[in-house]
């Protein structure tokens, strides 16, 4: 059984967790985890939609965002002496491909004293990033998007995941088919793009997570089991870890037993270990 959890969230700094960092860490320690990694969202883009203006987790300015992220790190560092559990500090980053975004991101991430970063793709976007939309908020504008445009945006979303994998920034890639829990990209016409994601992981040997929050949302983990099965071929050339994506303390370690059973059934032996954590 995996004894660490590396994809969790808390509510300080207006992030979207529902418990404090102290409560999350204490619960992880009480549940017997050896290590907890906190990965609140790092979401910055100059074209952030106006409807996120009252949502402090979303930023359109890197300098403003950096101040919040530094405070996030400070909060966690100050808690380390209060616990026996090992506390790792990271971010779940929404990656964008534009050279300008990458320039500003690389400059900022060098300043942040973190242990690792993970990639979590939550946006639909045009290739030139003139339009971006958080998938969670897509329902608010869906009526104004025609089918052809939506098809293009979903393809761009999967292409963006491939670019994130190939960027080399990330310790592991989170919820590869996140959009499917909202009924997007879940039809066979998009399978070819998911195959491309699998090939990118295999080519780069970039680790990925089995995100167990899917068991609660769509009665399966994500990525879908067929994707995990393809990645498991030859015992798995790509390291895999289990993540709870916990936004509530009670969700820490949720459904890890089901994910472990799946990995055992697939004979997936290439497991992610803590010595694979890397500074970006």
Foldseek 3Di string as FASTA:
>chain_A
DAQEAAFEEECPLNFLFDHHPVLLVVLSVVVRRQEYEYATADAEDLLDDPVCVVRRSHYPDLVVSLVSLQVVVVVQVVCCVVDNHHYFYEHAYADADDPVVVVSVVVSLVPHPGQFYEYDHQWFADNVRNDIDGLVCCVVVVVVDDPVRLVRRLLVSLVSLLVVLVVPRGQEYEQNPVNVLVVGLPDPVNVVSLVSNLVSCLVSLREYEFAPVCCVRPNATPPHLVSVLVCCPPLGSHAYYYHPSHSYSVSVPPPVVVVVVSSVVSNNDRHDDPVSGHRD
